[in-house]
Amino acid sequence: MKTTIPLTRLIPGLIIGPASWLGPYIAASSLFLPALIQQIDENSKFQLLALFSSSGMIAAAMSNMLAGYLSDRTRSKFGNRSPWIVAGAVAFMLSMILASMANSIPFLLCSWLLGQVALNFIVAPMVAWIDFAAEERKGTASSAYGGLGMALGNNGFTILAAMFLGNFRFGFIVFGIITFIGVLLSVLIVKEPSNLNQTRENKLSKSDKKFQDTLDIFPKWEIGRDYYLALIGKLFQGISNFTIIGCILFILTDFIQCNPSETENAIQLLNLIMLIFGILMGFIAGPICDKLKVLKLPVGLSTLLLGIGALSLLLCPNQIGVLIYAFSAGIGMGIWNSLDNLLNLQVIPNKNQVAFFLGFYNLGNTITQAIAPIITAYVILFWGFSAIFIVSFVFAMIGGTAILLIRSVDK
């Protein structure tokens, strides 16, 4: 019998949990780590940041798959997800404390990679909590995780993190502790039941038998077609998003030619609008999805809003264009973050490996953040700033098309 957890426990955990790991990670990666690298070796800071980014991506990819694989097979009195989530939170806190003490690049790199591994032992099992929701309420659970929890993590910690720029070593420690406390609190709230008596089904579906016969971790295209289309959609949507967000500062200063005061105001307004819409969509997208029984269409069409936002900056290279982008991309990303994990849950090719496939799918966030700056740099170098917006639009359309081609989800 499938385990379900009441939304009264599940939703608070799905909000507090992702906010508690994502917010500190963004604070550390975007503020504290660059500051510490600059303090240790200012002359090589850009090359070192690239090294940390690429190494971290590899560590994240490997640990994410491993964490999902292990949690799918764990049996304990605390369930199969919670033990790994808590262990990951403890290890991440320790890695941040070690990073705060680093006085050499090798020590800092080892600490950072430990943190990347630990973080993914939180992420891969935690996103699988969505599957504990009752079938008719999974949209609400997905919205809580992606629309509310990740929105708070993405934008809600920025102001607090900026307060520690003058003492970023202490910032590592504080945000590591925040992750531990927040994640532990979410685990206690969700209170995952014991699965010691859970046994695997002996009778496998035809799809599962084919899956086992492949002798590979991932199934063949004919078995995992819809999962792969969802993954392709996430990758192209993510690159479309990060090609704009990742260089928004340079878009404002070099393309729109804002002065420093206008740039600061534009960034604050942009983040505020996107945060508001992210939270708003987190409240309404999931419940509407549950009520109207629609999923594929809003997820696929949300990428159109990203594309429209990108073109608005090209057609209106001024503050009005920035506002149009903020509203359009804010709604689009709000819908996407609220529902994309649920869509992926519906197309997983092997239901015995929920955490593995959900975790691998969520690697799209890490991979696209690493790839997008490279694409952006080459596009600007060869075709200029204007081409960035066209590339973002095209990638958004490809991502949305991939989602709409999914067959196993009707609408």
Protein backbone atom coordinates (compact mmCIF):
# COMPACT_ATOMS: atom_id res chain seq x y z
CA MET A 1 0.00 0.00 0.00
CA LYS A 2 1.36 3.41 -0.97
CA THR A 3 2.38 5.68 1.93
CA THR A 4 0.65 9.07 2.09
CA ILE A 5 1.32 11.97 4.47
CA PRO A 6 -1.33 14.61 5.26
CA LEU A 7 -0.80 17.98 3.56
CA THR A 8 -0.97 19.66 6.96
CA ARG A 9 2.46 18.12 7.66
CA LEU A 10 3.78 17.76 4.14
CA ILE A 11 3.31 21.32 2.87
CA PRO A 12 5.18 23.10 5.71
CA GLY A 13 8.04 20.63 5.26
CA LEU A 14 8.07 21.16 1.49
CA ILE A 15 8.33 24.92 2.02
CA ILE A 16 10.85 25.07 4.89
CA GLY A 17 13.04 22.24 3.55
CA PRO A 18 14.01 23.56 0.09
CA ALA A 19 14.22 27.14 1.35
CA SER A 20 16.67 25.97 4.02
CA TRP A 21 19.11 24.33 1.61
CA LEU A 22 18.71 26.53 -1.47
CA GLY A 23 18.99 29.91 0.27
CA PRO A 24 22.28 29.16 2.09
CA TYR A 25 23.69 27.49 -1.03
CA ILE A 26 22.99 30.57 -3.16
CA ALA A 27 24.42 32.85 -0.46
CA ALA A 28 27.58 30.76 -0.23
CA SER A 29 28.09 30.23 -3.97
CA SER A 30 27.29 33.76 -5.16
CA LEU A 31 28.68 35.85 -2.27
CA PHE A 32 30.83 34.09 0.33
CA LEU A 33 32.80 31.75 -1.95
CA PRO A 34 33.87 34.44 -4.48
CA ALA A 35 34.84 36.75 -1.61
CA LEU A 36 36.97 34.08 0.06
CA ILE A 37 38.63 33.04 -3.21
CA GLN A 38 39.48 36.68 -3.85
CA GLN A 39 40.98 36.98 -0.37
CA ILE A 40 43.15 33.89 -0.84
CA ASP A 41 44.24 34.41 -4.48
CA GLU A 42 42.96 37.63 -6.04
CA ASN A 43 45.04 37.32 -9.22
CA SER A 44 43.46 34.01 -10.24
CA LYS A 45 39.95 34.54 -8.91
CA PHE A 46 38.11 34.17 -12.24
CA GLN A 47 39.94 30.97 -13.21
CA LEU A 48 39.40 29.58 -9.71
CA LEU A 49 35.70 30.36 -9.77
CA ALA A 50 35.43 28.43 -13.03
CA LEU A 51 37.33 25.53 -11.42
CA PHE A 52 35.01 25.49 -8.39
CA SER A 53 31.93 25.70 -10.63
CA SER A 54 32.91 22.86 -12.96
CA SER A 55 34.21 20.63 -10.16
CA GLY A 56 31.09 21.29 -8.12
CA MET A 57 28.85 20.39 -11.04
CA ILE A 58 30.58 17.02 -11.48
CA ALA A 59 30.40 16.28 -7.74
CA ALA A 60 26.74 17.30 -7.67
CA ALA A 61 25.83 15.08 -10.62
CA MET A 62 27.47 11.98 -9.17
CA SER A 63 26.25 12.47 -5.61
CA ASN A 64 22.72 13.32 -6.70
CA MET A 65 22.30 10.02 -8.53
CA LEU A 66 23.90 8.10 -5.67
CA ALA A 67 21.71 9.79 -3.05
CA GLY A 68 18.55 9.05 -5.00
CA TYR A 69 19.59 5.45 -5.60
CA LEU A 70 20.39 4.82 -1.93
CA SER A 71 17.29 6.49 -0.52
CA ASP A 72 15.04 4.50 -2.85
CA ARG A 73 16.46 1.32 -1.27
CA THR A 74 16.67 2.40 2.38
CA ARG A 75 14.50 0.78 5.04
CA SER A 76 14.42 2.41 8.49
CA LYS A 77 12.06 3.39 11.32
CA PHE A 78 12.35 6.98 10.04
CA GLY A 79 11.45 6.11 6.44
CA ASN A 80 13.75 6.01 3.43
CA ARG A 81 14.23 9.75 2.81
CA SER A 82 14.66 11.39 6.21
CA PRO A 83 17.88 9.64 7.36
CA TRP A 84 19.75 10.76 4.25
CA ILE A 85 18.29 14.28 4.39
CA VAL A 86 19.43 14.78 8.00
CA ALA A 87 22.86 13.25 7.30
CA GLY A 88 23.25 15.59 4.32
CA ALA A 89 22.30 18.61 6.44
CA VAL A 90 24.89 17.72 9.10
CA ALA A 91 27.60 17.20 6.48
CA PHE A 92 26.72 20.45 4.69
CA MET A 93 26.94 22.42 7.93
CA LEU A 94 30.36 20.89 8.65
CA SER A 95 31.55 21.67 5.13
CA MET A 96 30.57 25.33 5.55
CA ILE A 97 32.40 25.50 8.88
CA LEU A 98 35.49 23.99 7.23
CA ALA A 99 35.22 26.46 4.35
CA SER A 100 35.17 29.35 6.83
CA MET A 101 38.56 28.21 8.14
CA ALA A 102 40.20 27.79 4.71
CA ASN A 103 43.43 29.67 4.03
CA SER A 104 44.43 27.78 0.89
CA ILE A 105 42.65 26.96 -2.36
CA PRO A 106 43.09 23.15 -2.09
CA PHE A 107 41.53 23.09 1.41
CA LEU A 108 38.71 25.37 0.29
CA LEU A 109 38.06 23.24 -2.81
CA CYS A 110 37.86 20.05 -0.74
CA SER A 111 35.47 21.74 1.70
CA TRP A 112 33.33 23.05 -1.15
CA LEU A 113 33.13 19.67 -2.89
CA LEU A 114 32.12 18.04 0.40
CA GLY A 115 29.36 20.63 0.61
CA GLN A 116 28.20 19.84 -2.94
CA VAL A 117 27.99 16.14 -2.16
CA ALA A 118 26.22 16.77 1.15
CA LEU A 119 23.75 19.16 -0.46
CA ASN A 120 22.63 16.58 -2.98
CA PHE A 121 22.00 14.07 -0.22
CA ILE A 122 19.40 16.60 0.93
CA VAL A 123 18.02 17.51 -2.48
CA ALA A 124 17.49 14.12 -4.13
CA PRO A 125 15.56 12.49 -1.25
CA MET A 126 13.67 15.66 -0.28
CA VAL A 127 12.10 16.30 -3.68
CA ALA A 128 10.73 12.74 -3.51
CA TRP A 129 8.58 13.87 -0.56
CA ILE A 130 6.16 15.18 -3.18
CA ASP A 131 5.24 11.57 -3.90
CA PHE A 132 3.91 11.22 -0.33
CA ALA A 133 0.97 13.49 -1.19
CA ALA A 134 -2.36 11.90 -2.08
CA GLU A 135 -2.75 11.53 -5.84
CA GLU A 136 -5.36 14.28 -6.13
CA ARG A 137 -3.22 16.74 -4.10
CA LYS A 138 0.18 16.25 -5.69
CA GLY A 139 -0.12 19.55 -7.57
CA THR A 140 -0.48 21.41 -4.27
CA ALA A 141 2.54 19.58 -2.85
CA SER A 142 4.62 20.37 -5.95
CA SER A 143 3.68 24.05 -5.67
CA ALA A 144 4.75 24.12 -2.05
CA TYR A 145 8.19 22.73 -2.94
CA GLY A 146 8.96 24.57 -6.17
CA GLY A 147 6.70 27.60 -6.05
CA LEU A 148 7.04 28.59 -2.40
CA GLY A 149 10.07 26.82 -0.93
CA MET A 150 12.42 27.43 -3.84
CA ALA A 151 11.11 30.97 -4.39
CA LEU A 152 11.96 31.82 -0.80
CA GLY A 153 15.34 30.14 -1.17
CA ASN A 154 16.14 31.91 -4.43
CA ASN A 155 15.18 35.41 -3.38
CA GLY A 156 14.38 35.52 0.32
CA PHE A 157 17.93 35.00 1.67
CA THR A 158 19.67 37.65 -0.45
CA ILE A 159 19.12 40.55 1.95
CA LEU A 160 20.29 38.54 4.97
CA ALA A 161 23.35 37.24 3.12
CA ALA A 162 24.42 40.75 2.10
CA MET A 163 24.70 41.65 5.79
CA PHE A 164 27.59 39.17 6.13
CA LEU A 165 29.72 40.43 3.23
CA GLY A 166 31.93 42.29 5.68
CA ASN A 167 32.47 39.05 7.63
CA PHE A 168 31.88 36.35 5.02
CA ARG A 169 33.80 33.67 6.94
CA PHE A 170 31.25 33.96 9.73
CA GLY A 171 28.57 33.96 7.02
CA PHE A 172 29.61 30.44 5.97
CA ILE A 173 29.05 29.24 9.53
CA VAL A 174 25.73 31.02 10.05
CA PHE A 175 24.21 29.79 6.81
CA GLY A 176 25.50 26.27 7.36
CA ILE A 177 23.70 26.24 10.72
CA ILE A 178 20.56 27.68 9.08
CA THR A 179 20.55 24.74 6.66
CA PHE A 180 20.89 22.21 9.47
CA ILE A 181 18.17 23.75 11.65
CA GLY A 182 15.75 24.35 8.76
CA VAL A 183 16.19 20.90 7.24
CA LEU A 184 15.90 19.18 10.64
CA LEU A 185 12.74 21.16 11.36
CA SER A 186 11.23 20.13 8.02
CA VAL A 187 12.02 16.46 8.73
CA LEU A 188 10.38 16.69 12.17
CA ILE A 189 7.29 18.34 10.69
CA VAL A 190 6.87 15.86 7.84
CA LYS A 191 7.49 12.97 10.27
CA GLU A 192 8.06 10.35 7.61
CA PRO A 193 6.66 6.99 8.80
CA SER A 194 8.69 3.82 9.20
CA ASN A 195 9.08 1.65 6.12
CA LEU A 196 10.75 -1.33 7.83
CA ASN A 197 7.84 -3.55 6.86
CA GLN A 198 7.75 -2.32 3.30
CA THR A 199 8.62 -4.94 0.71
CA ARG A 200 9.19 -4.50 -2.96
CA GLU A 201 6.59 -5.77 -5.35
CA ASN A 202 7.51 -9.14 -6.78
CA LYS A 203 5.26 -8.66 -9.74
CA LEU A 204 6.71 -6.16 -12.11
CA SER A 205 4.90 -4.37 -14.85
CA LYS A 206 5.94 -4.97 -18.43
CA SER A 207 7.67 -1.59 -18.40
CA ASP A 208 9.60 -2.44 -15.21
CA LYS A 209 10.74 -5.77 -16.66
CA LYS A 210 12.03 -4.01 -19.75
CA PHE A 211 13.72 -1.51 -17.48
CA GLN A 212 15.60 -4.24 -15.61
CA ASP A 213 16.55 -5.98 -18.85
CA THR A 214 18.37 -2.95 -20.20
CA LEU A 215 21.24 -3.53 -17.70
CA ASP A 216 21.64 0.24 -17.66
CA ILE A 217 20.74 2.83 -15.06
CA PHE A 218 18.56 4.65 -17.57
CA PRO A 219 15.91 2.95 -19.72
CA LYS A 220 15.80 2.89 -23.50
CA TRP A 221 14.10 5.72 -25.36
CA GLU A 222 10.92 3.73 -26.06
CA ILE A 223 10.49 3.13 -22.32
CA GLY A 224 11.66 6.45 -20.93
CA ARG A 225 10.59 8.70 -23.85
CA ASP A 226 8.38 11.04 -21.83
CA TYR A 227 10.91 11.29 -18.99
CA TYR A 228 13.63 12.25 -21.46
CA LEU A 229 11.36 14.83 -23.10
CA ALA A 230 10.68 16.36 -19.67
CA LEU A 231 14.43 16.42 -19.00
CA ILE A 232 15.14 18.04 -22.39
CA GLY A 233 12.44 20.59 -21.65
CA LYS A 234 14.00 21.44 -18.30
CA LEU A 235 17.49 21.81 -19.77
CA PHE A 236 16.40 24.15 -22.56
CA GLN A 237 14.08 26.12 -20.29
CA GLY A 238 16.87 26.49 -17.72
CA ILE A 239 19.42 27.72 -20.24
CA SER A 240 16.85 30.16 -21.62
CA ASN A 241 16.30 31.53 -18.12
CA PHE A 242 19.93 31.71 -16.99
CA THR A 243 21.24 33.31 -20.20
CA ILE A 244 19.20 36.38 -19.17
CA ILE A 245 19.28 36.23 -15.36
CA GLY A 246 22.96 35.28 -15.32
CA CYS A 247 24.04 38.44 -17.14
CA ILE A 248 21.26 40.83 -16.13
CA LEU A 249 23.82 43.21 -14.65
CA PHE A 250 25.64 43.52 -17.96
CA ILE A 251 22.36 43.76 -19.87
CA LEU A 252 21.41 46.75 -17.74
CA THR A 253 24.79 48.49 -17.84
CA ASP A 254 26.10 47.65 -21.32
CA PHE A 255 22.99 47.05 -23.43
CA ILE A 256 20.35 49.31 -21.86
CA GLN A 257 23.10 51.63 -20.58
CA CYS A 258 21.65 52.35 -17.14
CA ASN A 259 23.67 54.43 -14.71
CA PRO A 260 24.67 52.84 -11.36
CA SER A 261 21.60 54.18 -9.53
CA GLU A 262 19.21 53.00 -12.27
CA THR A 263 20.92 49.62 -12.37
CA GLU A 264 20.56 49.09 -8.62
CA ASN A 265 16.90 50.12 -8.68
CA ALA A 266 16.16 47.92 -11.69
CA ILE A 267 17.74 44.84 -10.10
CA GLN A 268 15.85 45.38 -6.83
CA LEU A 269 12.54 45.89 -8.65
CA LEU A 270 13.16 42.89 -10.91
CA ASN A 271 13.89 40.60 -7.97
CA LEU A 272 10.91 41.91 -6.00
CA ILE A 273 8.45 41.36 -8.85
CA MET A 274 9.78 37.87 -9.59
CA LEU A 275 9.66 36.95 -5.90
CA ILE A 276 6.04 38.14 -5.61
CA PHE A 277 4.93 36.20 -8.67
CA GLY A 278 6.95 33.15 -7.64
CA ILE A 279 5.15 33.04 -4.30
CA LEU A 280 1.77 33.85 -5.88
CA MET A 281 2.06 31.04 -8.40
CA GLY A 282 3.17 28.76 -5.57
CA PHE A 283 -0.15 29.41 -3.86
CA ILE A 284 -2.44 29.05 -6.87
CA ALA A 285 -0.77 26.96 -9.62
CA GLY A 286 -0.84 23.63 -7.78
CA PRO A 287 -4.43 23.84 -6.49
CA ILE A 288 -5.66 24.92 -9.94
CA CYS A 289 -3.78 22.00 -11.48
CA ASP A 290 -5.39 19.60 -9.00
CA LYS A 291 -8.88 21.00 -9.61
CA LEU A 292 -8.81 21.29 -13.41
CA LYS A 293 -6.62 18.22 -13.97
CA VAL A 294 -4.22 20.13 -16.22
CA LEU A 295 -0.45 19.81 -15.99
CA LYS A 296 1.39 19.46 -19.29
CA LEU A 297 -0.16 22.56 -20.89
CA PRO A 298 0.68 25.11 -18.15
CA VAL A 299 4.22 23.74 -17.78
CA GLY A 300 4.86 23.75 -21.52
CA LEU A 301 3.29 27.14 -22.14
CA SER A 302 5.09 28.75 -19.18
CA THR A 303 8.24 28.71 -21.31
CA LEU A 304 6.45 30.96 -23.83
CA LEU A 305 6.30 33.63 -21.14
CA LEU A 306 10.06 33.33 -20.66
CA GLY A 307 10.57 33.77 -24.38
CA ILE A 308 8.28 36.81 -24.49
CA GLY A 309 10.18 38.32 -21.58
CA ALA A 310 13.50 37.85 -23.39
CA LEU A 311 12.19 39.48 -26.58
CA SER A 312 10.79 42.40 -24.58
CA LEU A 313 14.33 43.37 -23.58
CA LEU A 314 15.39 43.29 -27.23
CA LEU A 315 12.41 45.28 -28.51
CA CYS A 316 12.28 47.71 -25.56
CA PRO A 317 15.86 48.28 -24.37
CA ASN A 318 14.76 50.49 -21.48
CA GLN A 319 13.11 50.37 -18.06
CA ILE A 320 9.76 49.44 -19.62
CA GLY A 321 11.37 46.38 -21.22
CA VAL A 322 12.77 45.41 -17.82
CA LEU A 323 9.30 45.66 -16.28
CA ILE A 324 7.74 43.56 -19.05
CA TYR A 325 10.48 40.98 -18.58
CA ALA A 326 9.97 40.93 -14.80
CA PHE A 327 6.21 40.34 -15.10
CA SER A 328 6.40 37.84 -17.97
CA ALA A 329 9.36 35.83 -16.68
CA GLY A 330 8.08 36.08 -13.11
CA ILE A 331 4.75 34.45 -14.01
CA GLY A 332 6.43 31.91 -16.30
CA MET A 333 9.03 30.84 -13.76
CA GLY A 334 6.42 30.80 -11.00
CA ILE A 335 4.26 28.34 -12.95
CA TRP A 336 7.27 26.26 -14.01
CA ASN A 337 8.76 25.97 -10.52
CA SER A 338 5.36 25.08 -9.08
CA LEU A 339 4.54 22.25 -11.47
CA ASP A 340 7.61 20.89 -13.26
CA ASN A 341 8.52 18.42 -10.48
CA LEU A 342 4.97 17.07 -10.53
CA LEU A 343 5.14 16.60 -14.30
CA ASN A 344 8.38 14.71 -13.93
CA LEU A 345 6.84 12.55 -11.21
CA GLN A 346 4.10 11.56 -13.67
CA VAL A 347 6.57 10.42 -16.35
CA ILE A 348 9.14 8.55 -14.23
CA PRO A 349 9.85 5.28 -16.07
CA ASN A 350 10.35 3.19 -12.91
CA LYS A 351 8.20 3.99 -9.87
CA ASN A 352 10.59 2.05 -7.62
CA GLN A 353 13.24 4.72 -8.20
CA VAL A 354 11.35 7.93 -7.54
CA ALA A 355 14.16 9.75 -5.70
CA PHE A 356 16.76 8.72 -8.27
CA PHE A 357 14.82 10.02 -11.26
CA LEU A 358 13.49 13.14 -9.52
CA GLY A 359 16.96 13.91 -8.24
CA PHE A 360 18.58 13.46 -11.65
CA TYR A 361 15.87 15.66 -13.18
CA ASN A 362 16.66 18.39 -10.68
CA LEU A 363 20.28 18.34 -11.80
CA GLY A 364 18.90 20.48 -14.61
CA ASN A 365 19.14 23.43 -12.21
CA THR A 366 22.87 22.89 -11.61
CA ILE A 367 23.85 21.96 -15.16
CA THR A 368 22.04 24.85 -16.80
CA GLN A 369 23.59 27.38 -14.41
CA ALA A 370 27.02 26.05 -15.45
CA ILE A 371 26.32 25.88 -19.18
CA ALA A 372 24.39 29.15 -19.63
CA PRO A 373 27.34 31.51 -18.88
CA ILE A 374 29.47 29.70 -21.48
CA ILE A 375 26.75 30.02 -24.14
CA THR A 376 26.19 33.65 -23.18
CA ALA A 377 29.88 34.51 -23.48
CA TYR A 378 30.21 32.94 -26.95
CA VAL A 379 26.98 34.48 -28.26
CA ILE A 380 28.01 37.97 -27.14
CA LEU A 381 31.51 37.49 -28.52
CA PHE A 382 30.39 36.43 -32.01
CA TRP A 383 26.99 38.09 -32.49
CA GLY A 384 26.69 40.81 -29.85
CA PHE A 385 24.28 41.46 -26.99
CA SER A 386 21.13 41.49 -29.13
CA ALA A 387 21.60 37.83 -30.06
CA ILE A 388 21.30 36.78 -26.40
CA PHE A 389 17.60 37.56 -26.34
CA ILE A 390 16.93 35.65 -29.55
CA VAL A 391 18.89 32.65 -28.26
CA SER A 392 16.92 32.75 -24.99
CA PHE A 393 13.64 32.87 -26.92
CA VAL A 394 14.60 29.94 -29.18
CA PHE A 395 15.75 27.82 -26.23
CA ALA A 396 12.48 28.56 -24.39
CA MET A 397 10.44 27.47 -27.42
CA ILE A 398 12.41 24.23 -27.79
CA GLY A 399 11.95 23.47 -24.09
CA GLY A 400 8.22 24.12 -24.24
CA THR A 401 7.81 22.02 -27.39
CA ALA A 402 9.57 19.08 -25.73
CA ILE A 403 7.14 19.28 -22.80
CA LEU A 404 4.09 19.45 -25.07
CA LEU A 405 5.26 16.34 -26.96
CA ILE A 406 4.86 14.21 -23.81
CA ARG A 407 2.19 11.57 -24.45
CA SER A 408 1.48 9.98 -21.07
CA VAL A 409 0.09 13.24 -19.61
CA ASP A 410 -3.03 14.25 -21.54
CA LYS A 411 -3.19 17.96 -20.83
